[in-house]
C-alpha atoms as a PDB file:
ATOM      1  CA  MET A   1       5.521 120.816-194.923  1.00  0.00           C
ATOM      2  CA  THR A   2       7.097 121.089-192.207  1.00  0.00           C
ATOM      3  CA  ASP A   3      11.018 120.590-192.444  1.00  0.00           C
ATOM      4  CA  ARG A   4      12.462 117.821-190.869  1.00  0.00           C
ATOM      5  CA  ILE A   5      16.826 117.038-191.295  1.00  0.00           C
ATOM      6  CA  ALA A   6      18.099 113.296-191.161  1.00  0.00           C
ATOM      7  CA  GLY A   7      20.877 112.767-188.755  1.00  0.00           C
ATOM      8  CA  ARG A   8      24.133 110.052-188.727  1.00  0.00           C
ATOM      9  CA  LEU A   9      23.809 106.813-188.602  1.00  0.00           C
ATOM     10  CA  GLY A  10      25.341 104.784-185.540  1.00  0.00           C
ATOM     11  CA  GLY A  11      27.436 102.224-187.265  1.00  0.00           C
ATOM     12  CA  VAL A  12      25.206  99.831-184.891  1.00  0.00           C
ATOM     13  CA  LYS A  13      26.764  96.178-184.651  1.00  0.00           C
ATOM     14  CA  GLU A  14      24.207  93.529-185.126  1.00  0.00           C
ATOM     15  CA  SER A  15      24.221  91.530-181.980  1.00  0.00           C
ATOM     16  CA  HIS A  16      22.362  88.754-179.762  1.00  0.00           C
ATOM     17  CA  ALA A  17      21.024  87.597-176.669  1.00  0.00           C
ATOM     18  CA  PRO A  18      21.614  84.076-175.978  1.00  0.00           C
ATOM     19  CA  ASP A  19      19.146  81.875-175.792  1.00  0.00           C
ATOM     20  CA  GLY A  20      17.993  81.517-172.094  1.00  0.00           C
ATOM     21  CA  LEU A  21      17.611  85.592-172.565  1.00  0.00           C
ATOM     22  CA  LYS A  22      15.177  85.495-175.676  1.00  0.00           C
ATOM     23  CA  LEU A  23      12.196  86.961-174.622  1.00  0.00           C
ATOM     24  CA  HIS A  24       9.466  83.924-176.053  1.00  0.00           C
ATOM     25  CA  ASN A  25      11.955  82.103-173.159  1.00  0.00           C
ATOM     26  CA  LEU A  26      11.250  84.007-169.979  1.00  0.00           C
ATOM     27  CA  ARG A  27       7.383  84.030-170.858  1.00  0.00           C
ATOM     28  CA  LYS A  28       5.762  82.345-167.663  1.00  0.00           C
ATOM     29  CA  GLY A  29       1.851  80.323-169.341  1.00  0.00           C
ATOM     30  CA  ILE A  30       0.285  80.931-172.384  1.00  0.00           C
ATOM     31  CA  ARG A  31      -0.976  84.067-173.659  1.00  0.00           C
ATOM     32  CA  THR A  32      -4.336  83.519-173.898  1.00  0.00           C
ATOM     33  CA  THR A  33      -5.084  87.471-175.377  1.00  0.00           C
ATOM     34  CA  VAL A  34      -4.944  88.191-178.376  1.00  0.00           C
ATOM     35  CA  LEU A  35      -2.887  90.997-180.720  1.00  0.00           C
ATOM     36  CA  PRO A  36      -4.661  93.651-181.898  1.00  0.00           C
ATOM     37  CA  ALA A  37      -4.974  94.894-185.347  1.00  0.00           C
ATOM     38  CA  ALA A  38      -3.248  98.413-184.247  1.00  0.00           C
ATOM     39  CA  ALA A  39      -1.761 100.225-181.843  1.00  0.00           C
ATOM     40  CA  ASP A  40       0.111 102.953-180.496  1.00  0.00           C
ATOM     41  CA  VAL A  41       2.360 103.457-177.468  1.00  0.00           C
ATOM     42  CA  SER A  42       4.005 106.871-178.680  1.00  0.00           C
ATOM     43  CA  GLY A  43       1.903 108.856-176.206  1.00  0.00           C
ATOM     44  CA  GLY A  44       0.917 112.028-178.421  1.00  0.00           C
ATOM     45  CA  ILE A  45       4.461 112.913-178.584  1.00  0.00           C
ATOM     46  CA  THR A  46       5.785 115.476-180.826  1.00  0.00           C
ATOM     47  CA  ASP A  47       8.986 116.604-180.420  1.00  0.00           C
ATOM     48  CA  TRP A  48      11.304 113.764-179.709  1.00  0.00           C
ATOM     49  CA  GLY A  49      14.374 115.364-179.664  1.00  0.00           C
ATOM     50  CA  MET A  50      17.563 115.032-182.360  1.00  0.00           C
ATOM     51  CA  LEU A  51      19.988 114.516-178.736  1.00  0.00           C
ATOM     52  CA  GLY A  52      23.319 114.432-180.367  1.00  0.00           C
ATOM     53  CA  ASN A  53      22.602 112.584-183.778  1.00  0.00           C
ATOM     54  CA  ASP A  54      22.673 114.933-185.948  1.00  0.00           C
ATOM     55  CA  THR A  55      26.389 115.169-184.816  1.00  0.00           C
ATOM     56  CA  TYR A  56      27.432 111.580-183.824  1.00  0.00           C
ATOM     57  CA  GLY A  57      26.536 108.135-184.947  1.00  0.00           C
ATOM     58  CA  ASP A  58      24.785 108.187-181.195  1.00  0.00           C
ATOM     59  CA  CYS A  59      21.659 106.679-181.850  1.00  0.00           C
ATOM     60  CA  GLY A  60      21.124 103.730-179.872  1.00  0.00           C
ATOM     61  CA  PRO A  61      21.630 106.358-176.886  1.00  0.00           C
ATOM     62  CA  ALA A  62      19.191 108.031-178.815  1.00  0.00           C
ATOM     63  CA  ALA A  63      16.966 105.714-179.426  1.00  0.00           C
ATOM     64  CA  THR A  64      16.843 104.516-176.119  1.00  0.00           C
ATOM     65  CA  GLU A  65      15.937 107.948-174.572  1.00  0.00           C
ATOM     66  CA  HIS A  66      13.152 108.191-177.146  1.00  0.00           C
ATOM     67  CA  LEU A  67      12.274 105.012-175.208  1.00  0.00           C
ATOM     68  CA  ARG A  68      12.296 106.013-171.466  1.00  0.00           C
ATOM     69  CA  MET A  69       9.804 109.164-172.886  1.00  0.00           C
ATOM     70  CA  ALA A  70       7.406 106.673-174.328  1.00  0.00           C
ATOM     71  CA  LYS A  71       7.381 104.630-171.020  1.00  0.00           C
ATOM     72  CA  ALA A  72       6.887 108.132-168.843  1.00  0.00           C
ATOM     73  CA  VAL A  73       4.769 110.144-170.919  1.00  0.00           C
ATOM     74  CA  ILE A  74       1.411 110.391-169.307  1.00  0.00           C
ATOM     75  CA  SER A  75      -0.254 113.334-171.891  1.00  0.00           C
ATOM     76  CA  VAL A  76       0.640 115.738-173.824  1.00  0.00           C
ATOM     77  CA  GLU A  77      -0.724 119.215-173.494  1.00  0.00           C
ATOM     78  CA  ASN A  78      -0.831 122.356-175.960  1.00  0.00           C
ATOM     79  CA  GLY A  79       2.420 120.301-177.283  1.00  0.00           C
ATOM     80  CA  VAL A  80       3.578 119.586-174.334  1.00  0.00           C
ATOM     81  CA  PRO A  81       4.525 115.568-173.085  1.00  0.00           C
ATOM     82  CA  VAL A  82       3.522 115.635-169.197  1.00  0.00           C
ATOM     83  CA  TYR A  83       5.511 112.642-167.696  1.00  0.00           C
ATOM     84  CA  ALA A  84       5.100 110.392-164.568  1.00  0.00           C
ATOM     85  CA  LYS A  85       6.330 112.428-161.358  1.00  0.00           C
ATOM     86  CA  GLY A  86      10.485 111.619-161.355  1.00  0.00           C
ATOM     87  CA  PHE A  87      10.691 111.787-164.428  1.00  0.00           C
ATOM     88  CA  ARG A  88      13.903 113.447-165.853  1.00  0.00           C
ATOM     89  CA  PRO A  89      13.157 114.268-169.954  1.00  0.00           C
ATOM     90  CA  PRO A  90      16.552 112.984-172.419  1.00  0.00           C
ATOM     91  CA  HIS A  91      18.506 116.171-173.457  1.00  0.00           C
ATOM     92  CA  THR A  92      21.610 116.421-175.893  1.00  0.00           C
ATOM     93  CA  ALA A  93      24.746 116.431-173.442  1.00  0.00           C
ATOM     94  CA  TYR A  94      23.209 113.903-171.411  1.00  0.00           C
ATOM     95  CA  THR A  95      22.243 111.361-174.306  1.00  0.00           C
ATOM     96  CA  GLU A  96      25.908 112.023-175.583  1.00  0.00           C
ATOM     97  CA  SER A  97      27.447 111.307-172.463  1.00  0.00           C
ATOM     98  CA  LEU A  98      25.906 108.283-172.040  1.00  0.00           C
ATOM     99  CA  TYR A  99      27.794 107.289-174.996  1.00  0.00           C
ATOM    100  CA  PHE A 100      30.785 109.119-174.628  1.00  0.00           C
ATOM    101  CA  ALA A 101      31.076 106.815-171.695  1.00  0.00           C
ATOM    102  CA  TYR A 102      29.863 103.150-173.035  1.00  0.00           C
ATOM    103  CA  GLY A 103      32.846 103.879-175.827  1.00  0.00           C
ATOM    104  CA  ARG A 104      35.080 104.496-173.314  1.00  0.00           C
ATOM    105  CA  ALA A 105      33.995 101.973-171.356  1.00  0.00           C
ATOM    106  CA  GLN A 106      34.758  99.624-174.543  1.00  0.00           C
ATOM    107  CA  GLY A 107      38.247 100.713-174.919  1.00  0.00           C
ATOM    108  CA  GLU A 108      37.915 102.959-177.795  1.00  0.00           C
ATOM    109  CA  PRO A 109      39.922 105.652-177.875  1.00  0.00           C
ATOM    110  CA  GLY A 110      39.322 109.380-176.798  1.00  0.00           C
ATOM    111  CA  ARG A 111      36.970 111.623-174.275  1.00  0.00           C
ATOM    112  CA  LYS A 112      34.149 111.318-176.993  1.00  0.00           C
ATOM    113  CA  PRO A 113      34.866 108.084-178.969  1.00  0.00           C
ATOM    114  CA  ASP A 114      32.210 107.627-181.982  1.00  0.00           C
ATOM    115  CA  GLN A 115      32.311 103.884-183.612  1.00  0.00           C
ATOM    116  CA  GLY A 116      28.372 103.055-182.454  1.00  0.00           C
ATOM    117  CA  VAL A 117      27.264 100.210-180.040  1.00  0.00           C
ATOM    118  CA  GLY A 118      26.730  96.839-180.398  1.00  0.00           C
ATOM    119  CA  ASN A 119      23.064  96.535-178.684  1.00  0.00           C
ATOM    120  CA  ILE A 120      24.176  93.560-176.183  1.00  0.00           C
ATOM    121  CA  THR A 121      26.862  94.945-174.692  1.00  0.00           C
ATOM    122  CA  TRP A 122      25.563  98.784-174.844  1.00  0.00           C
ATOM    123  CA  LEU A 123      21.831  97.138-173.255  1.00  0.00           C
ATOM    124  CA  THR A 124      24.573  95.342-170.358  1.00  0.00           C
ATOM    125  CA  TRP A 125      26.420  98.312-170.045  1.00  0.00           C
ATOM    126  CA  LEU A 126      23.637  99.816-169.350  1.00  0.00           C
ATOM    127  CA  TYR A 127      22.586  97.696-166.789  1.00  0.00           C
ATOM    128  CA  GLN A 128      25.613  97.524-164.776  1.00  0.00           C
ATOM    129  CA  GLN A 129      25.456 101.728-164.323  1.00  0.00           C
ATOM    130  CA  SER A 130      21.824 101.292-163.311  1.00  0.00           C
ATOM    131  CA  LYS A 131      23.705  98.436-160.655  1.00  0.00           C
ATOM    132  CA  LEU A 132      25.879 101.310-159.947  1.00  0.00           C
ATOM    133  CA  ASN A 133      23.782 104.025-158.048  1.00  0.00           C
ATOM    134  CA  PRO A 134      21.442 103.602-155.047  1.00  0.00           C
ATOM    135  CA  GLY A 135      18.065 104.291-156.101  1.00  0.00           C
ATOM    136  CA  ASP A 136      18.445 104.303-159.621  1.00  0.00           C
ATOM    137  CA  ASP A 137      15.433 101.071-160.857  1.00  0.00           C
ATOM    138  CA  VAL A 138      18.321  98.256-161.746  1.00  0.00           C
ATOM    139  CA  VAL A 139      16.822  97.751-165.811  1.00  0.00           C
ATOM    140  CA  ALA A 140      17.170  94.234-167.208  1.00  0.00           C
ATOM    141  CA  PHE A 141      16.264  93.720-171.000  1.00  0.00           C
ATOM    142  CA  ALA A 142      15.795  90.906-173.267  1.00  0.00           C
ATOM    143  CA  GLU A 143      16.208  90.300-176.666  1.00  0.00           C
ATOM    144  CA  VAL A 144      12.729  89.870-179.298  1.00  0.00           C
ATOM    145  CA  ASP A 145      13.643  86.588-181.618  1.00  0.00           C
ATOM    146  CA  LYS A 146      12.488  88.109-185.077  1.00  0.00           C
ATOM    147  CA  SER A 147      12.489  84.102-185.831  1.00  0.00           C
ATOM    148  CA  GLN A 148       9.268  84.601-183.713  1.00  0.00           C
ATOM    149  CA  GLY A 149       7.751  86.739-186.529  1.00  0.00           C
ATOM    150  CA  VAL A 150       6.056  90.132-186.527  1.00  0.00           C
ATOM    151  CA  ASP A 151       3.390  89.281-184.206  1.00  0.00           C
ATOM    152  CA  ALA A 152       6.508  88.598-181.734  1.00  0.00           C
ATOM    153  CA  ILE A 153       8.073  91.679-182.163  1.00  0.00           C
ATOM    154  CA  ARG A 154       4.333  93.922-181.905  1.00  0.00           C
ATOM    155  CA  GLN A 155       3.322  91.978-179.348  1.00  0.00           C
ATOM    156  CA  ALA A 156       7.187  92.746-177.110  1.00  0.00           C
ATOM    157  CA  MET A 157       6.564  96.766-178.570  1.00  0.00           C
ATOM    158  CA  ILE A 158       3.070  96.590-176.538  1.00  0.00           C
ATOM    159  CA  ASP A 159       4.098  94.637-173.662  1.00  0.00           C
ATOM    160  CA  PHE A 160       6.758  97.130-172.603  1.00  0.00           C
ATOM    161  CA  HIS A 161       5.487 100.159-174.557  1.00  0.00           C
ATOM    162  CA  GLY A 162       8.651  99.952-177.399  1.00  0.00           C
ATOM    163  CA  CYS A 163      10.950  98.001-178.679  1.00  0.00           C
ATOM    164  CA  LEU A 164      14.874  99.150-179.570  1.00  0.00           C
ATOM    165  CA  VAL A 165      15.572  97.764-183.111  1.00  0.00           C
ATOM    166  CA  ALA A 166      18.991  97.635-184.748  1.00  0.00           C
ATOM    167  CA  VAL A 167      18.532  97.785-188.540  1.00  0.00           C
ATOM    168  CA  ARG A 168      20.309  98.218-191.757  1.00  0.00           C
ATOM    169  CA  LEU A 169      18.863 101.061-194.130  1.00  0.00           C
ATOM    170  CA  ASN A 170      18.081 101.483-197.689  1.00  0.00           C
ATOM    171  CA  GLN A 171      20.647 103.573-199.091  1.00  0.00           C
ATOM    172  CA  ASP A 172      17.907 106.200-199.795  1.00  0.00           C
ATOM    173  CA  ALA A 173      16.442 106.277-196.412  1.00  0.00           C
ATOM    174  CA  GLN A 174      17.872 109.464-194.991  1.00  0.00           C
ATOM    175  CA  ALA A 175      16.632 111.124-197.872  1.00  0.00           C
ATOM    176  CA  GLN A 176      13.153 109.619-197.352  1.00  0.00           C
ATOM    177  CA  PHE A 177      12.685 110.643-193.671  1.00  0.00           C
ATOM    178  CA  GLN A 178      13.626 114.360-194.839  1.00  0.00           C
ATOM    179  CA  ASN A 179      10.324 113.944-197.465  1.00  0.00           C
ATOM    180  CA  LYS A 180       8.583 112.322-195.132  1.00  0.00           C
ATOM    181  CA  VAL A 181       8.225 109.132-197.486  1.00  0.00           C
ATOM    182  CA  PRO A 182       8.536 105.911-196.066  1.00  0.00           C
ATOM    183  CA  TRP A 183      10.908 103.747-195.893  1.00  0.00           C
ATOM    184  CA  SER A 184      11.181 100.660-198.509  1.00  0.00           C
ATOM    185  CA  VAL A 185      13.535  99.164-200.608  1.00  0.00           C
ATOM    186  CA  SER A 186      13.541  97.523-204.075  1.00  0.00           C
ATOM    187  CA  SER A 187      16.066  96.764-206.502  1.00  0.00           C
ATOM    188  CA  THR A 188      17.020 100.030-206.690  1.00  0.00           C
ATOM    189  CA  ASP A 189      17.090 101.409-203.501  1.00  0.00           C
ATOM    190  CA  PRO A 190      18.755  98.065-201.759  1.00  0.00           C
ATOM    191  CA  VAL A 191      19.487  97.442-198.171  1.00  0.00           C
ATOM    192  CA  THR A 192      23.823  98.462-198.334  1.00  0.00           C
ATOM    193  CA  MET A 193      23.817 101.134-195.469  1.00  0.00           C
ATOM    194  CA  ASP A 194      25.479 101.468-191.902  1.00  0.00           C
ATOM    195  CA  GLY A 195      23.275 100.045-188.821  1.00  0.00           C
ATOM    196  CA  HIS A 196      20.892 102.500-187.422  1.00  0.00           C
ATOM    197  CA  ASP A 197      19.541 101.479-183.552  1.00  0.00           C
ATOM    198  CA  ILE A 198      15.444 103.171-184.362  1.00  0.00           C
ATOM    199  CA  ALA A 199      12.358 102.843-181.597  1.00  0.00           C
ATOM    200  CA  LEU A 200       9.055 101.074-182.423  1.00  0.00           C
ATOM    201  CA  VAL A 201       6.486 102.634-180.736  1.00  0.00           C
ATOM    202  CA  ALA A 202       3.390 101.882-182.695  1.00  0.00           C
ATOM    203  CA  TYR A 203       1.759  99.663-185.957  1.00  0.00           C
ATOM    204  CA  GLY A 204      -0.825  98.867-187.924  1.00  0.00           C
ATOM    205  CA  ALA A 205      -2.275 102.743-187.967  1.00  0.00           C
ATOM    206  CA  ALA A 206      -0.838 106.225-188.102  1.00  0.00           C
ATOM    207  CA  PRO A 207       0.043 108.049-184.261  1.00  0.00           C
ATOM    208  CA  ALA A 208      -2.641 110.293-184.458  1.00  0.00           C
ATOM    209  CA  GLN A 209      -0.072 113.208-184.258  1.00  0.00           C
ATOM    210  CA  VAL A 210       1.142 111.982-187.497  1.00  0.00           C
ATOM    211  CA  THR A 211       0.582 115.008-190.008  1.00  0.00           C
ATOM    212  CA  GLU A 212       1.709 115.592-193.902  1.00  0.00           C
ATOM    213  CA  PHE A 213       3.166 112.163-194.878  1.00  0.00           C
ATOM    214  CA  SER A 214       1.679 110.268-198.540  1.00  0.00           C
ATOM    215  CA  ASN A 215       1.307 107.286-200.050  1.00  0.00           C
ATOM    216  CA  LEU A 216       1.095 105.622-196.907  1.00  0.00           C
ATOM    217  CA  THR A 217       0.692 102.673-198.556  1.00  0.00           C
ATOM    218  CA  ASN A 218       0.839  98.913-196.974  1.00  0.00           C
ATOM    219  CA  VAL A 219       2.650 100.616-194.540  1.00  0.00           C
ATOM    220  CA  GLN A 220       2.500  98.587-191.102  1.00  0.00           C
ATOM    221  CA  ASP A 221       5.046  99.713-188.438  1.00  0.00           C
ATOM    222  CA  TRP A 222       6.191 103.477-186.808  1.00  0.00           C
ATOM    223  CA  PHE A 223       9.298 104.331-185.311  1.00  0.00           C
ATOM    224  CA  VAL A 224      11.364 107.242-183.942  1.00  0.00           C
ATOM    225  CA  THR A 225      14.892 108.282-185.227  1.00  0.00           C
ATOM    226  CA  TRP A 226      16.797 111.278-185.648  1.00  0.00           C
ATOM    227  CA  GLY A 227      13.614 113.274-182.801  1.00  0.00           C
ATOM    228  CA  ASP A 228      10.611 112.583-185.331  1.00  0.00           C
ATOM    229  CA  LEU A 229       8.027 109.295-186.184  1.00  0.00           C
ATOM    230  CA  GLN A 230       9.484 107.737-188.801  1.00  0.00           C
ATOM    231  CA  PRO A 231       6.299 104.487-190.807  1.00  0.00           C
ATOM    232  CA  ALA A 232       7.910 101.570-192.884  1.00  0.00           C
ATOM    233  CA  THR A 233       6.368  98.897-194.825  1.00  0.00           C
ATOM    234  CA  VAL A 234       5.916  95.154-194.324  1.00  0.00           C
ATOM    235  CA  ASP A 235       8.594  94.447-197.104  1.00  0.00           C
ATOM    236  CA  TRP A 236      11.337  96.970-195.636  1.00  0.00           C
ATOM    237  CA  ASP A 237      11.019  95.077-192.128  1.00  0.00           C
ATOM    238  CA  SER A 238      11.420  91.865-192.926  1.00  0.00           C
ATOM    239  CA  ASP A 239      15.026  92.851-195.239  1.00  0.00           C
ATOM    240  CA  CYS A 240      15.967  95.818-192.589  1.00  0.00           C
ATOM    241  CA  ILE A 241      15.693  94.465-189.023  1.00  0.00           C
ATOM    242  CA  GLN A 242      18.586  92.949-187.468  1.00  0.00           C
ATOM    243  CA  ASP A 243      18.129  92.452-183.852  1.00  0.00           C
ATOM    244  CA  VAL A 244      15.230  93.378-181.508  1.00  0.00           C
ATOM    245  CA  TRP A 245      15.456  94.325-177.676  1.00  0.00           C
ATOM    246  CA  VAL A 246      13.075  95.171-175.139  1.00  0.00           C
ATOM    247  CA  PHE A 247      13.253  96.640-171.383  1.00  0.00           C
ATOM    248  CA  MET A 248      12.278  95.979-168.441  1.00  0.00           C
ATOM    249  CA  THR A 249      11.470  97.007-164.777  1.00  0.00           C
ATOM    250  CA  ARG A 250      10.415  94.034-162.261  1.00  0.00           C
ATOM    251  CA  GLU A 251       7.122  96.063-162.341  1.00  0.00           C
ATOM    252  CA  ASP A 252       7.055  95.441-166.435  1.00  0.00           C
ATOM    253  CA  ALA A 253       7.724  92.287-166.588  1.00  0.00           C
ATOM    254  CA  GLU A 254       5.429  90.868-163.719  1.00  0.00           C
ATOM    255  CA  ARG A 255       2.273  93.049-165.364  1.00  0.00           C
ATOM    256  CA  ALA A 256       3.453  91.140-168.970  1.00  0.00           C
ATOM    257  CA  GLY A 257       3.973  88.187-167.160  1.00  0.00           C
ATOM    258  CA  TYR A 258       7.599  87.873-167.875  1.00  0.00           C
ATOM    259  CA  ASP A 259       9.919  86.216-165.430  1.00  0.00           C
ATOM    260  CA  PHE A 260      12.643  89.283-164.446  1.00  0.00           C
ATOM    261  CA  ASP A 261      14.725  87.413-162.554  1.00  0.00           C
ATOM    262  CA  ALA A 262      15.150  84.414-164.746  1.00  0.00           C
ATOM    263  CA  ALA A 263      16.635  88.015-167.193  1.00  0.00           C
ATOM    264  CA  ILE A 264      18.604  89.106-164.463  1.00  0.00           C
ATOM    265  CA  ALA A 265      20.079  85.596-164.187  1.00  0.00           C
ATOM    266  CA  GLU A 266      20.895  85.464-167.486  1.00  0.00           C
ATOM    267  CA  ILE A 267      22.589  88.769-167.538  1.00  0.00           C
ATOM    268  CA  GLU A 268      24.983  88.008-164.849  1.00  0.00           C
ATOM    269  CA  LYS A 269      26.324  85.324-166.886  1.00  0.00           C
ATOM    270  CA  LEU A 270      27.323  87.228-170.627  1.00  0.00           C
ATOM    271  CA  PRO A 271      30.880  87.677-170.636  1.00  0.00           C
ATOM    272  CA  PHE A 272      30.337  91.945-170.028  1.00  0.00           C
ATOM    273  CA  ALA A 273      29.181  92.059-167.105  1.00  0.00           C
ATOM    274  CA  GLN A 274      31.184  90.407-164.875  1.00  0.00           C
ATOM    275  CA  VAL A 275      33.881  93.514-165.843  1.00  0.00           C
ATOM    276  CA  PRO A 276      33.858  95.932-162.401  1.00  0.00           C
ATOM    277  CA  VAL A 277      32.335  98.778-162.867  1.00  0.00           C
ATOM    278  CA  GLN A 278      34.346 101.891-160.885  1.00  0.00           C
ATOM    279  CA  GLY A 279      32.857 105.216-160.404  1.00  0.00           C
ATOM    280  CA  SER A 280      30.834 106.734-162.689  1.00  0.00           C
ATOM    281  CA  PRO A 281      31.895 107.210-166.462  1.00  0.00           C
ATOM    282  CA  ILE A 282      28.671 109.966-166.810  1.00  0.00           C
ATOM    283  CA  ALA A 283      30.064 111.848-163.758  1.00  0.00           C
ATOM    284  CA  ASP A 284      33.747 111.642-165.422  1.00  0.00           C
ATOM    285  CA  ASP A 285      32.393 113.066-168.879  1.00  0.00           C
ATOM    286  CA  LEU A 286      31.227 115.852-166.839  1.00  0.00           C
ATOM    287  CA  TRP A 287      34.159 117.043-164.926  1.00  0.00           C
ATOM    288  CA  HIS A 288      35.898 116.666-168.800  1.00  0.00           C
ATOM    289  CA  ARG A 289      33.408 118.967-169.898  1.00  0.00           C
ATOM    290  CA  ILE A 290      33.526 121.650-166.632  1.00  0.00           C
ATOM    291  CA  GLU A 291      37.047 121.509-166.720  1.00  0.00           C
ATOM    292  CA  ASP A 292      37.238 121.939-170.696  1.00  0.00           C
ATOM    293  CA  GLY A 293      34.899 125.488-170.004  1.00  0.00           C
ATOM    294  CA  ILE A 294      37.748 126.910-167.633  1.00  0.00           C
ATOM    295  CA  GLU A 295      40.577 126.533-168.926  1.00  0.00           C
ATOM    296  CA  SER A 296      40.534 130.603-169.798  1.00  0.00           C
ATOM    297  CA  VAL A 297      39.747 131.432-166.708  1.00  0.00           C
ATOM    298  CA  PRO A 298      41.414 132.472-163.754  1.00  0.00           C
ATOM    299  CA  GLU A 299      44.027 129.872-162.654  1.00  0.00           C
ATOM    300  CA  HIS A 300      42.190 129.787-159.144  1.00  0.00           C
ATOM    301  CA  ILE A 301      38.763 128.590-160.755  1.00  0.00           C
ATOM    302  CA  SER A 302      40.542 125.799-162.007  1.00  0.00           C
ATOM    303  CA  HIS A 303      42.202 124.844-158.967  1.00  0.00           C
ATOM    304  CA  PHE A 304      38.992 124.525-157.084  1.00  0.00           C
ATOM    305  CA  VAL A 305      36.715 122.954-159.843  1.00  0.00           C
ATOM    306  CA  LYS A 306      40.061 120.097-160.069  1.00  0.00           C
ATOM    307  CA  THR A 307      39.512 120.027-155.617  1.00  0.00           C
ATOM    308  CA  LEU A 308      35.941 119.655-156.178  1.00  0.00           C
ATOM    309  CA  HIS A 309      36.480 116.329-158.603  1.00  0.00           C
ATOM    310  CA  LYS A 310      38.865 114.922-156.092  1.00  0.00           C
ATOM    311  CA  VAL A 311      36.295 115.136-153.448  1.00  0.00           C
ATOM    312  CA  GLY A 312      33.218 114.108-155.581  1.00  0.00           C
ATOM    313  CA  ASP A 313      35.466 110.618-156.730  1.00  0.00           C
ATOM    314  CA  LEU A 314      35.626 110.095-153.182  1.00  0.00           C
ATOM    315  CA  ALA A 315      32.427 110.979-152.546  1.00  0.00           C
ATOM    316  CA  LEU A 316      31.120 108.923-155.197  1.00  0.00           C
ATOM    317  CA  GLU A 317      31.655 105.780-153.596  1.00  0.00           C
ATOM    318  CA  ARG A 318      28.824 106.289-150.803  1.00  0.00           C
ATOM    319  CA  ALA A 319      26.300 108.923-152.663  1.00  0.00           C
ATOM    320  CA  SER A 320      24.173 108.823-156.320  1.00  0.00           C
ATOM    321  CA  VAL A 321      25.869 110.434-159.245  1.00  0.00           C
ATOM    322  CA  GLU A 322      22.507 112.456-158.880  1.00  0.00           C
ATOM    323  CA  GLU A 323      23.571 113.699-155.960  1.00  0.00           C
ATOM    324  CA  ILE A 324      27.238 114.494-156.134  1.00  0.00           C
ATOM    325  CA  THR A 325      26.279 116.132-159.572  1.00  0.00           C
ATOM    326  CA  ARG A 326      23.404 118.184-157.369  1.00  0.00           C
ATOM    327  CA  LEU A 327      26.357 119.301-154.747  1.00  0.00           C
ATOM    328  CA  ILE A 328      28.877 120.445-157.647  1.00  0.00           C
ATOM    329  CA  GLU A 329      26.565 122.295-159.036  1.00  0.00           C
ATOM    330  CA  LEU A 330      25.490 124.047-155.650  1.00  0.00           C
ATOM    331  CA  ALA A 331      29.315 124.542-155.004  1.00  0.00           C
ATOM    332  CA  LEU A 332      29.816 126.673-158.459  1.00  0.00           C
ATOM    333  CA  LYS A 333      27.280 128.834-157.877  1.00  0.00           C
ATOM    334  CA  ASP A 334      27.881 129.646-154.496  1.00  0.00           C
ATOM    335  CA  TYR A 335      31.647 129.898-155.582  1.00  0.00           C
ATOM    336  CA  THR A 336      30.489 132.605-158.406  1.00  0.00           C
ATOM    337  CA  HIS A 337      28.507 134.310-156.196  1.00  0.00           C
ATOM    338  CA  GLY A 338      31.632 134.690-153.922  1.00  0.00           C
ATOM    339  CA  ALA A 339      30.304 132.504-151.314  1.00  0.00           C
ATOM    340  CA  LEU A 340      32.668 130.489-150.877  1.00  0.00           C
END
């Protein structure tokens, strides 16, 4: 059996959207298709990455990045995912930067706050970031009302290539994950642990890349968490799921028959969306990490980096974070090689 390690919980706070941002209220027309008995949007990925969730409670950002992977993967060749052109696979430093930047934006103390996320505020913050950076797709979101039933959640998984799911885990969940045992609840293993965000990517049958699991009786859903796939029973779903969300681009919404503009209008009404976003908290975190790394180097280098920081702040008014980061990296490379 392949070893795997359970990460940390994220202290996810249960949150819900207003009625106008519930997915079923954004539906255009009546659905005529029948929900299939099984579906898998994992794309064959086997290495999802822990993305910092072994050190921090960043399960929300990690699950978000796992969903981005599921949306973008085209195929897996010799165990390596092939993604759509232009997709940037996630990595730990960037995922942690998102998490810390979100926490600072919520007023949490310190440069690396670690107080978990509430999904409606987390998704609104991501929405603001997508508007801030020219060239990025504006990504809307909606809540899948779990009172609509498990079929509504599974249909949403198909329509939007995965769902972000906030759960409260049973007390043995981490041990079950490590031992490749499906998540389940019982009188001796009640739901008592903190909240946690995971990504729903399959139901009805195990994804083809799954091996080494035993006793899959009553398993219905497959999630990504702590860098790997994890099954859960129907009863576990009923007892543990708190809130469910989907990300949508305009293309997603049009393909699946939802009103993207109505979703945007509802998001803009949220109180969290009224707070102006200035500069880039992700770029700020990049600067913090650069400055941390040069504390022991000559003063003239430190001065150079701080000067670049000021230039970057000004340039961000016109350029995207990607462009500024690229220019900074080039400047530092040139300086290292004595070109400056």
